Amino acid sequence: MTAEWTPVFVLPNIPLEAAIGCEIAALAPAHDRRVATLKRTPHAQAFPQPFH
């Protein structure tokens, strides 16, 4: 798994209990460690405020 993730899109109406993914892509729930890490990056500023 890569150490760097780039958010591409948000699917707020799809609740996930666990991440679904592979080596190059993932759908991850808000509580996933990758999402928590991304929330602290400048990339997160591209998303509307309710997604932070």
C-alpha atoms as a PDB file:
ATOM      1  CA  MET A   1       0.000   0.000   0.000  1.00  0.00           C
ATOM      2  CA  THR A   2       1.253   3.433  -0.851  1.00  0.00           C
ATOM      3  CA  ALA A   3       1.974   5.943   1.903  1.00  0.00           C
ATOM      4  CA  GLU A   4       0.480   8.878  -0.008  1.00  0.00           C
ATOM      5  CA  TRP A   5      -3.173   9.137  -0.957  1.00  0.00           C
ATOM      6  CA  THR A   6      -4.838  11.774  -3.117  1.00  0.00           C
ATOM      7  CA  PRO A   7      -8.567  12.337  -2.670  1.00  0.00           C
ATOM      8  CA  VAL A   8     -10.382  12.235  -5.994  1.00  0.00           C
ATOM      9  CA  PHE A   9     -14.042  12.473  -5.014  1.00  0.00           C
ATOM     10  CA  VAL A  10     -16.395  12.238  -2.048  1.00  0.00           C
ATOM     11  CA  LEU A  11     -19.407   9.953  -1.812  1.00  0.00           C
ATOM     12  CA  PRO A  12     -21.101  11.240   1.349  1.00  0.00           C
ATOM     13  CA  ASN A  13     -24.285   9.222   0.852  1.00  0.00           C
ATOM     14  CA  ILE A  14     -22.543   5.827   0.830  1.00  0.00           C
ATOM     15  CA  PRO A  15     -22.004   4.655   4.401  1.00  0.00           C
ATOM     16  CA  LEU A  16     -19.151   2.165   4.757  1.00  0.00           C
ATOM     17  CA  GLU A  17     -18.180   0.131   7.796  1.00  0.00           C
ATOM     18  CA  ALA A  18     -14.781  -0.741   6.321  1.00  0.00           C
ATOM     19  CA  ALA A  19     -12.651   0.330   3.379  1.00  0.00           C
ATOM     20  CA  ILE A  20     -12.986  -1.360   0.014  1.00  0.00           C
ATOM     21  CA  GLY A  21      -9.889  -1.114  -2.088  1.00  0.00           C
ATOM     22  CA  CYS A  22      -6.799  -2.388  -3.781  1.00  0.00           C
ATOM     23  CA  GLU A  23      -3.261  -1.177  -4.370  1.00  0.00           C
ATOM     24  CA  ILE A  24      -4.231   1.819  -6.526  1.00  0.00           C
ATOM     25  CA  ALA A  25      -7.666   2.918  -5.267  1.00  0.00           C
ATOM     26  CA  ALA A  26      -9.969   2.746  -2.271  1.00  0.00           C
ATOM     27  CA  LEU A  27     -13.411   3.725  -1.071  1.00  0.00           C
ATOM     28  CA  ALA A  28     -12.855   4.558   2.558  1.00  0.00           C
ATOM     29  CA  PRO A  29     -15.229   5.499   5.395  1.00  0.00           C
ATOM     30  CA  ALA A  30     -14.754   8.765   7.277  1.00  0.00           C
ATOM     31  CA  HIS A  31     -13.166   6.940  10.236  1.00  0.00           C
ATOM     32  CA  ASP A  32     -10.477   5.273   8.062  1.00  0.00           C
ATOM     33  CA  ARG A  33      -6.924   6.286   9.039  1.00  0.00           C
ATOM     34  CA  ARG A  34      -6.181   7.436   5.471  1.00  0.00           C
ATOM     35  CA  VAL A  35      -9.173   9.776   5.494  1.00  0.00           C
ATOM     36  CA  ALA A  36      -8.222  11.126   8.928  1.00  0.00           C
ATOM     37  CA  THR A  37      -4.724  11.850   7.616  1.00  0.00           C
ATOM     38  CA  LEU A  38      -6.038  13.523   4.457  1.00  0.00           C
ATOM     39  CA  LYS A  39      -8.310  15.788   6.495  1.00  0.00           C
ATOM     40  CA  ARG A  40      -5.168  17.474   7.842  1.00  0.00           C
ATOM     41  CA  THR A  41      -3.706  18.240   4.385  1.00  0.00           C
ATOM     42  CA  PRO A  42      -4.193  21.103   1.923  1.00  0.00           C
ATOM     43  CA  HIS A  43      -6.021  18.633  -0.378  1.00  0.00           C
ATOM     44  CA  ALA A  44      -8.935  18.657   2.050  1.00  0.00           C
ATOM     45  CA  GLN A  45      -9.491  22.348   1.417  1.00  0.00           C
ATOM     46  CA  ALA A  46     -10.800  21.473  -2.067  1.00  0.00           C
ATOM     47  CA  PHE A  47     -13.865  19.788  -0.528  1.00  0.00           C
ATOM     48  CA  PRO A  48     -16.900  21.613   0.887  1.00  0.00           C
ATOM     49  CA  GLN A  49     -16.744  22.389   4.605  1.00  0.00           C
ATOM     50  CA  PRO A  50     -19.229  19.683   5.747  1.00  0.00           C
ATOM     51  CA  PHE A  51     -16.785  16.989   4.570  1.00  0.00           C
ATOM     52  CA  HIS A  52     -13.950  18.114   6.860  1.00  0.00           C
END
